[in-house]
Protein backbone atom coordinates (compact mmCIF):
# COMPACT_ATOMS: atom_id res chain seq x y z
CA MET A 1 -111.61 94.13 -162.66
CA PRO A 2 -115.30 94.51 -163.56
CA PRO A 3 -116.63 92.07 -166.15
CA VAL A 4 -116.98 93.19 -169.73
CA SER A 5 -120.77 92.85 -169.41
CA ILE A 6 -120.79 95.95 -167.17
CA LEU A 7 -119.25 98.03 -169.92
CA GLU A 8 -121.58 96.43 -172.44
CA PHE A 9 -124.53 97.38 -170.25
CA LEU A 10 -123.34 100.97 -169.97
CA LEU A 11 -122.74 101.16 -173.72
CA PHE A 12 -126.20 99.72 -174.39
CA PHE A 13 -127.90 102.14 -171.98
CA VAL A 14 -126.08 105.26 -173.21
CA SER A 15 -126.63 104.26 -176.84
CA LEU A 16 -130.32 103.78 -176.10
CA LEU A 17 -130.55 107.31 -174.73
CA LEU A 18 -128.82 108.67 -177.82
CA GLU A 19 -131.16 106.75 -180.10
CA ALA A 20 -134.14 108.14 -178.19
CA ALA A 21 -132.79 111.66 -178.66
CA LEU A 22 -132.30 111.05 -182.39
CA ILE A 23 -135.85 109.74 -182.75
CA GLY A 24 -137.06 112.77 -180.82
CA MET A 25 -135.27 115.09 -183.25
CA VAL A 26 -136.90 113.39 -186.24
CA VAL A 27 -140.35 113.55 -184.66
CA ALA A 28 -139.87 117.19 -183.61
CA TRP A 29 -138.81 118.19 -187.12
CA GLY A 30 -141.79 116.37 -188.63
CA TRP A 31 -144.14 118.12 -186.22
CA ALA A 32 -142.58 121.53 -186.91
CA LEU A 33 -142.71 121.07 -190.71
CA GLN A 34 -146.34 120.03 -190.72
CA ARG A 35 -147.25 123.07 -188.65
CA LEU A 36 -145.38 125.33 -191.05
CA VAL A 37 -147.13 123.73 -194.05
CA ARG A 38 -150.50 124.35 -192.39
CA GLY A 39 -149.58 127.96 -191.66
CA LEU A 40 -149.48 127.43 -187.90
CA PRO A 41 -146.81 128.89 -185.58
CA VAL A 42 -144.11 126.59 -184.26
CA LEU A 43 -143.66 128.58 -181.05
CA PRO A 44 -146.68 129.24 -178.81
CA GLU A 45 -148.33 132.59 -179.43
CA ASP A 46 -148.78 133.33 -175.74
CA ALA A 47 -145.97 133.98 -173.26
CA PHE A 48 -145.66 132.16 -169.97
CA LEU A 49 -144.53 135.37 -168.28
CA THR A 50 -144.48 139.01 -169.32
CA LEU A 51 -140.91 140.15 -168.74
CA PRO A 52 -140.77 143.62 -167.18
CA MET A 53 -137.93 145.97 -167.99
CA ALA A 54 -134.95 145.00 -165.84
CA ARG A 55 -134.60 146.91 -162.61
CA TRP A 56 -130.92 146.07 -162.32
CA GLY A 57 -128.04 147.87 -163.96
CA LEU A 58 -124.42 147.28 -164.89
CA GLY A 59 -123.42 147.34 -161.22
CA THR A 60 -125.61 144.34 -160.47
CA VAL A 61 -124.25 142.49 -163.51
CA LEU A 62 -120.69 143.02 -162.30
CA LEU A 63 -121.62 141.93 -158.78
CA VAL A 64 -123.10 138.69 -160.15
CA VAL A 65 -119.86 138.07 -162.06
CA LEU A 66 -117.92 138.64 -158.83
CA LEU A 67 -120.24 136.22 -157.05
CA HIS A 68 -119.44 133.61 -159.69
CA VAL A 69 -115.69 134.20 -159.31
CA GLY A 70 -116.03 134.12 -155.52
CA ALA A 71 -117.95 130.83 -155.68
CA GLY A 72 -115.12 129.36 -157.75
CA SER A 73 -112.51 130.51 -155.23
CA ALA A 74 -114.54 129.23 -152.28
CA ALA A 75 -115.04 125.88 -154.00
CA GLY A 76 -111.30 125.70 -154.61
CA VAL A 77 -110.57 126.25 -150.90
CA ALA A 78 -113.22 123.72 -149.87
CA CYS A 79 -111.89 121.09 -152.28
CA ARG A 80 -108.36 121.60 -150.97
CA GLU A 81 -109.40 121.32 -147.32
CA LEU A 82 -111.93 118.49 -147.67
CA PHE A 83 -110.52 116.40 -150.54
CA GLY A 84 -106.91 117.49 -150.77
CA ILE A 85 -107.45 118.83 -154.29
CA ASP A 86 -104.98 121.59 -155.17
CA LEU A 87 -106.28 123.21 -158.33
CA GLY A 88 -103.06 125.14 -158.93
CA GLN A 89 -100.93 122.00 -158.97
CA LEU A 90 -103.61 120.10 -160.88
CA VAL A 91 -103.72 122.61 -163.73
CA ALA A 92 -99.93 123.01 -163.75
CA ARG A 93 -99.19 119.31 -164.15
CA GLU A 94 -101.82 118.64 -166.81
CA LYS A 95 -101.05 119.12 -170.49
CA PRO A 96 -102.84 121.91 -172.33
CA PRO A 97 -105.63 121.00 -174.74
CA VAL A 98 -104.26 119.32 -177.85
CA PRO A 99 -105.67 119.18 -181.38
CA ILE A 100 -108.43 116.61 -181.43
CA HIS A 101 -107.01 114.84 -184.48
CA ASP A 102 -103.86 114.21 -182.41
CA VAL A 103 -105.96 112.92 -179.52
CA GLY A 104 -107.59 110.35 -181.77
CA ALA A 105 -104.56 109.48 -183.85
CA GLU A 106 -103.59 106.37 -181.87
CA PRO A 107 -106.62 105.26 -179.84
CA ALA A 108 -105.08 101.97 -178.79
CA ALA A 109 -102.02 103.60 -177.30
CA ARG A 110 -103.98 106.47 -175.84
CA ASN A 111 -106.47 104.20 -174.06
CA ALA A 112 -103.89 101.77 -172.77
CA GLU A 113 -104.14 101.27 -169.05
CA GLY A 114 -101.20 102.82 -167.27
CA PRO A 115 -100.10 105.54 -164.87
CA ASP A 116 -100.86 108.35 -167.32
CA ALA A 117 -104.39 107.10 -167.98
CA ARG A 118 -105.10 106.63 -164.26
CA ARG A 119 -103.70 110.08 -163.50
CA SER A 120 -105.82 111.66 -166.23
CA SER A 121 -108.93 109.97 -164.86
CA ALA A 122 -108.17 111.16 -161.33
CA SER A 123 -107.39 114.70 -162.56
CA ALA A 124 -110.61 114.87 -164.54
CA ARG A 125 -112.59 113.69 -161.50
CA GLN A 126 -111.01 116.38 -159.33
CA LEU A 127 -111.72 119.09 -161.91
CA MET A 128 -115.33 117.93 -162.20
CA ILE A 129 -115.75 117.94 -158.41
CA TRP A 130 -114.50 121.51 -158.30
CA ASN A 131 -116.65 122.52 -161.27
CA ALA A 132 -119.80 121.01 -159.76
CA SER A 133 -119.00 122.50 -156.35
CA TYR A 134 -118.58 126.08 -157.52
CA ASN A 135 -121.72 125.91 -159.68
CA ALA A 136 -123.66 124.56 -156.70
CA LEU A 137 -122.30 127.29 -154.41
CA PHE A 138 -123.22 129.97 -156.96
CA LEU A 139 -126.76 128.61 -157.32
CA MET A 140 -127.27 128.51 -153.55
CA ALA A 141 -126.05 132.08 -153.05
CA PHE A 142 -127.61 133.67 -156.15
CA PRO A 143 -131.27 134.10 -155.04
CA TRP A 144 -130.45 136.03 -151.86
CA PHE A 145 -127.56 137.92 -153.45
CA PHE A 146 -129.50 139.01 -156.55
CA ARG A 147 -132.50 140.05 -154.49
CA ARG A 148 -130.31 142.21 -152.24
CA ALA A 149 -128.38 143.73 -155.15
CA SER A 150 -131.31 144.53 -157.46
CA GLY A 151 -134.54 144.26 -155.48
CA ALA A 152 -135.90 141.98 -158.23
CA ASP A 153 -137.50 138.60 -157.71
CA ALA A 154 -137.28 135.34 -159.64
CA LYS A 155 -140.30 136.11 -161.82
CA GLU A 156 -138.54 139.16 -163.25
CA LEU A 157 -135.87 136.77 -164.54
CA GLY A 158 -138.52 134.51 -166.08
CA LEU A 159 -138.44 131.89 -163.33
CA SER A 160 -141.86 130.67 -162.29
CA LEU A 161 -143.38 127.26 -161.56
CA GLU A 162 -146.69 128.25 -163.12
CA ARG A 163 -147.34 125.89 -166.03
CA TRP A 164 -143.84 124.49 -165.54
CA PRO A 165 -144.56 121.25 -167.48
CA GLU A 166 -145.47 123.38 -170.52
CA GLN A 167 -142.33 125.46 -170.09
CA LEU A 168 -140.21 122.33 -169.86
CA ARG A 169 -141.90 120.81 -172.89
CA LEU A 170 -141.29 123.96 -174.94
CA GLY A 171 -137.58 123.85 -174.09
CA VAL A 172 -137.26 120.15 -174.94
CA VAL A 173 -139.11 120.47 -178.27
CA ALA A 174 -137.11 123.58 -179.20
CA GLY A 175 -133.90 121.76 -178.28
CA LEU A 176 -134.77 118.74 -180.42
CA ILE A 177 -135.48 121.05 -183.37
CA ALA A 178 -132.37 123.20 -182.87
CA ALA A 179 -129.84 120.42 -182.12
CA PRO A 180 -129.44 119.14 -185.72
CA LEU A 181 -128.83 122.70 -186.94
CA ILE A 182 -126.21 123.36 -184.26
CA TYR A 183 -124.46 120.05 -184.88
CA ALA A 184 -124.43 120.77 -188.63
CA ILE A 185 -122.73 124.12 -187.98
CA GLN A 186 -120.25 122.41 -185.68
CA PHE A 187 -119.53 119.74 -188.30
CA LEU A 188 -118.79 122.38 -190.92
CA SER A 189 -116.52 124.18 -188.46
CA LEU A 190 -114.59 120.97 -187.82
CA THR A 191 -113.86 120.61 -191.53
CA ILE A 192 -112.29 124.07 -191.66
CA PHE A 193 -110.52 124.67 -188.35
CA GLU A 194 -108.10 122.70 -186.19
CA VAL A 195 -109.93 121.59 -183.09
CA ASN A 196 -108.83 121.81 -179.46
CA ALA A 197 -110.40 119.27 -177.15
CA HIS A 198 -111.78 120.37 -173.79
CA PRO A 199 -109.32 119.35 -171.03
CA ILE A 200 -111.91 117.17 -169.28
CA GLU A 201 -112.88 115.60 -172.60
CA GLN A 202 -109.23 114.78 -173.24
CA MET A 203 -108.75 113.32 -169.75
CA LEU A 204 -111.93 111.25 -170.05
CA GLN A 205 -110.71 109.83 -173.35
CA GLU A 206 -107.30 108.97 -171.89
CA GLY A 207 -108.61 107.33 -168.71
CA PHE A 208 -112.29 106.35 -168.58
CA ASP A 209 -114.06 106.38 -165.22
CA GLY A 210 -117.74 105.56 -164.75
CA GLY A 211 -118.08 107.74 -161.66
CA LEU A 212 -116.58 110.64 -163.59
CA ALA A 213 -119.07 110.02 -166.40
CA MET A 214 -122.03 110.28 -164.01
CA LEU A 215 -120.59 113.42 -162.41
CA ALA A 216 -120.09 114.92 -165.88
CA LEU A 217 -123.74 114.28 -166.75
CA VAL A 218 -125.00 115.94 -163.56
CA SER A 219 -122.70 118.92 -164.05
CA THR A 220 -123.37 119.46 -167.76
CA VAL A 221 -127.11 118.69 -167.81
CA VAL A 222 -128.21 120.35 -164.56
CA LEU A 223 -125.68 122.62 -162.85
CA ALA A 224 -124.01 124.33 -165.83
CA PRO A 225 -127.29 125.18 -167.65
CA LEU A 226 -128.81 126.62 -164.47
CA THR A 227 -125.76 128.77 -163.76
CA GLU A 228 -125.14 129.98 -167.30
CA GLU A 229 -128.79 130.72 -168.10
CA LEU A 230 -129.23 132.73 -164.91
CA MET A 231 -126.11 134.76 -165.70
CA PHE A 232 -126.40 135.19 -169.46
CA ARG A 233 -130.09 135.06 -170.34
CA GLY A 234 -131.57 136.26 -167.07
CA VAL A 235 -129.19 138.90 -165.71
CA LEU A 236 -127.00 139.99 -168.65
CA GLN A 237 -129.56 139.87 -171.47
CA GLY A 238 -132.13 141.51 -169.21
CA TRP A 239 -129.81 144.43 -168.50
CA LEU A 240 -128.72 144.73 -172.15
CA THR A 241 -132.38 144.88 -173.20
CA ARG A 242 -132.95 147.71 -170.74
CA ALA A 243 -129.82 149.53 -171.94
CA TRP A 244 -130.82 149.23 -175.61
CA SER A 245 -134.39 150.33 -174.86
CA THR A 246 -133.05 153.36 -173.01
CA LEU A 247 -130.79 154.32 -175.93
CA THR A 248 -133.53 153.98 -178.53
CA ALA A 249 -136.48 155.27 -176.49
CA HIS A 250 -138.30 158.45 -177.48
CA PRO A 251 -137.14 161.40 -175.31
CA SER A 252 -140.60 161.73 -173.79
CA ARG A 253 -140.35 158.17 -172.47
CA THR A 254 -136.97 158.42 -170.78
CA SER A 255 -136.41 159.30 -167.17
CA PRO A 256 -136.37 163.03 -166.29
CA PRO A 257 -133.06 164.66 -165.36
CA GLY A 258 -132.12 163.83 -161.81
CA GLY A 259 -134.33 160.72 -161.79
CA ALA A 260 -133.37 157.20 -160.93
CA GLY A 261 -132.13 156.58 -164.46
CA SER A 262 -134.37 153.58 -165.01
CA MET A 263 -137.24 153.13 -167.42
CA PRO A 264 -140.76 153.97 -166.25
CA PRO A 265 -142.73 151.02 -164.86
CA GLN A 266 -144.96 150.85 -167.95
CA ASP A 267 -142.01 150.16 -170.27
CA GLN A 268 -141.66 146.40 -170.57
CA VAL A 269 -139.99 143.89 -172.82
CA GLY A 270 -143.46 142.51 -173.48
CA PRO A 271 -146.93 144.04 -173.27
CA PRO A 272 -147.86 145.84 -170.04
CA THR A 273 -150.76 143.57 -169.18
CA SER A 274 -152.04 140.10 -169.89
CA ALA A 275 -154.92 139.92 -172.31
CA ALA A 276 -157.38 137.14 -172.94
CA ARG A 277 -157.70 135.69 -176.40
CA PRO A 278 -160.70 136.92 -178.39
CA GLY A 279 -163.72 134.77 -177.70
CA GLU A 280 -162.47 133.43 -174.38
CA GLY A 281 -164.92 133.50 -171.55
CA SER A 282 -164.33 135.16 -168.22
CA GLY A 283 -163.51 131.79 -166.68
CA SER A 284 -160.66 131.07 -169.10
CA ARG A 285 -157.05 131.42 -168.08
CA PRO A 286 -155.71 134.79 -169.30
CA VAL A 287 -152.64 134.56 -171.48
CA ALA A 288 -149.98 137.11 -172.29
CA ALA A 289 -148.93 138.05 -175.80
CA PRO A 290 -145.35 137.15 -176.76
CA ASN A 291 -142.62 139.38 -175.36
CA ARG A 292 -140.76 141.51 -177.87
CA ILE A 293 -137.32 140.14 -178.73
CA CYS A 294 -134.49 142.65 -178.37
CA TRP A 295 -132.13 141.31 -181.04
CA PRO A 296 -129.17 143.59 -180.21
CA ALA A 297 -129.24 142.29 -176.63
CA VAL A 298 -129.49 138.71 -177.87
CA VAL A 299 -126.53 139.17 -180.25
CA VAL A 300 -124.25 140.80 -177.64
CA THR A 301 -125.15 138.15 -175.05
CA SER A 302 -124.43 135.40 -177.59
CA CYS A 303 -121.04 136.90 -178.44
CA LEU A 304 -120.05 136.88 -174.76
CA PHE A 305 -121.46 133.37 -174.28
CA ALA A 306 -119.40 132.09 -177.21
CA ALA A 307 -116.29 133.94 -176.01
CA LEU A 308 -116.57 132.14 -172.64
CA HIS A 309 -116.01 128.87 -174.51
CA GLY A 310 -113.20 130.30 -176.65
CA PRO A 311 -110.48 127.80 -175.60
CA GLN A 312 -112.49 124.98 -177.20
CA TRP A 313 -112.30 126.51 -180.70
CA PRO A 314 -114.16 126.18 -183.06
CA ALA A 315 -117.02 125.28 -180.71
CA PRO A 316 -117.82 129.02 -180.14
CA ILE A 317 -119.04 129.31 -183.74
CA ALA A 318 -121.88 126.84 -183.20
CA LEU A 319 -122.42 128.03 -179.63
CA PHE A 320 -123.04 131.58 -180.85
CA PHE A 321 -126.00 130.42 -182.93
CA PHE A 322 -127.11 128.13 -180.11
CA SER A 323 -127.11 131.10 -177.74
CA MET A 324 -129.10 133.15 -180.27
CA ILE A 325 -131.80 130.48 -180.26
CA MET A 326 -131.89 130.32 -176.46
CA GLY A 327 -132.00 134.11 -176.13
CA ALA A 328 -134.83 134.48 -178.63
CA LEU A 329 -136.81 131.64 -177.06
CA TYR A 330 -136.32 133.13 -173.60
CA GLN A 331 -137.59 136.58 -174.50
CA HIS A 332 -140.40 135.34 -176.73
CA SER A 333 -141.81 132.97 -174.10
CA GLY A 334 -140.72 134.81 -170.95
CA SER A 335 -139.56 131.45 -169.59
CA LEU A 336 -136.06 130.89 -168.25
CA ILE A 337 -137.05 127.27 -167.56
CA ALA A 338 -137.44 126.75 -171.33
CA SER A 339 -133.95 128.07 -172.06
CA ILE A 340 -132.50 125.97 -169.22
CA ALA A 341 -134.20 122.89 -170.69
CA ILE A 342 -132.87 123.44 -174.22
CA HIS A 343 -129.37 124.10 -172.79
CA GLY A 344 -129.46 120.96 -170.65
CA LEU A 345 -130.74 118.84 -173.54
CA PHE A 346 -127.96 119.99 -175.86
CA ASN A 347 -125.27 119.44 -173.20
CA GLY A 348 -126.72 116.04 -172.40
CA CYS A 349 -126.65 114.87 -176.02
CA SER A 350 -123.06 116.07 -176.42
CA THR A 351 -121.95 114.33 -173.21
CA LEU A 352 -123.74 111.10 -174.12
CA LEU A 353 -122.05 111.13 -177.52
CA LEU A 354 -118.63 111.46 -175.86
CA LEU A 355 -119.45 108.65 -173.41
CA THR A 356 -120.63 106.39 -176.22
CA GLN A 357 -117.37 106.87 -178.09
CA GLN A 358 -115.28 106.13 -175.02
CA LEU A 359 -117.40 103.15 -173.93
CA ALA A 360 -117.09 101.64 -177.41
CA ARG A 361 -113.30 101.77 -176.99
CA SER A 362 -113.40 100.56 -173.39
CA VAL A 363 -115.44 97.46 -174.26
CA GLN A 364 -112.30 96.28 -176.06
CA GLN A 365 -110.29 96.96 -172.89
CA PRO A 366 -112.03 95.52 -169.81
CA ASP A 367 -109.44 96.86 -167.35
CA VAL A 368 -111.44 100.02 -166.71
CA GLU A 369 -112.72 101.36 -163.42
CA VAL A 370 -116.43 102.25 -163.67
CA GLY A 371 -117.16 103.25 -160.09
CA ALA A 372 -119.14 101.54 -157.32
CA ALA A 373 -122.54 103.09 -158.06
CA VAL A 374 -122.46 102.36 -161.77
CA GLY A 375 -120.90 98.97 -161.16
CA GLY A 376 -123.69 98.06 -158.73
CA VAL A 377 -126.44 98.84 -161.22
CA ALA A 378 -124.59 97.07 -164.00
CA ALA A 379 -123.96 94.04 -161.76
CA ILE A 380 -127.73 93.66 -161.27
CA TRP A 381 -128.11 93.81 -165.05
CA ASP A 382 -125.41 91.13 -165.38
CA VAL A 383 -127.28 88.85 -162.99
CA LEU A 384 -130.48 89.28 -165.01
CA LEU A 385 -128.56 88.40 -168.17
CA GLN A 386 -127.23 85.22 -166.51
CA ILE A 387 -130.75 84.23 -165.38
CA SER A 388 -132.17 84.83 -168.84
CA ARG A 389 -129.56 82.50 -170.31
């Protein structure tokens, strides 16, 4: 049994991260408000990349969906062969999501150490291993597969390492500004609708495991945002923008009968060329004007993104608006890195909040397995505490 100080260390560390995020939100809102008062834009006026009109069509979108499904199936086979994880039996023996007010009705009984809690912890770990595996397989196969299917490169999706610290900073700042709004919408939804907990969330609450917590952070902060932003913002929203532009284009700008059916090369989501700001010298870095935002494409993409999370109702209500923000930011800036960053930040805050709640309960119940890696770090912290005393 690990000492209580390990759990106290984890609770202190996770709480510290949450407090840092909260302070960041306050600072970001103060910065945004003072810029608005001074009549300055909150978002940068120049785009990181000028997004060309998508070269891929519905066929490529469907192939990417099949790749995602195939990655899930391959991960399921690999998990069964390597780890003995049978997803079919795992899902069949676990209870369906239950209303969250029922989950929290009797925390003492629900968190009591026993066979059910240990089984839930093991089941959640197996589901997270499969989830992380299929996202990783998809990400490894996507670059080659998408290139072969569409002929497009990463830059056409908005992926570029040019000025990547600025892209990352834009996503983090936008996430800190957007998070309070999204959480407010979610709070209002919780007061109206009965809530279903995510299966992994329910299992984590019933049987806490430190190794599972670390795996959940990696999966939700890194792997899931990369996968979902590539699919929804990059591929799907890019194609929907092309489709809407084709429907609304002037007849003289559409492809001639018998042509390839795609938009001419000069038709772009943003301006056709990069232009220097007035007054900049020839040695200055040229910047591109903001890309035009195709709101119909953003709305349809957001509806599908929210529908993907339908079983966790009413989360899709807040996630729809969250997706709208990510879609608008992506097309305005031309940066998929920015939308990945805001997605990862939001997932990270939500996961840390869940971990804080569970750790606060687990501190009262020291008979909790936290995993070797986490236990090792916490043990060092425990030694330092003993020395300081």
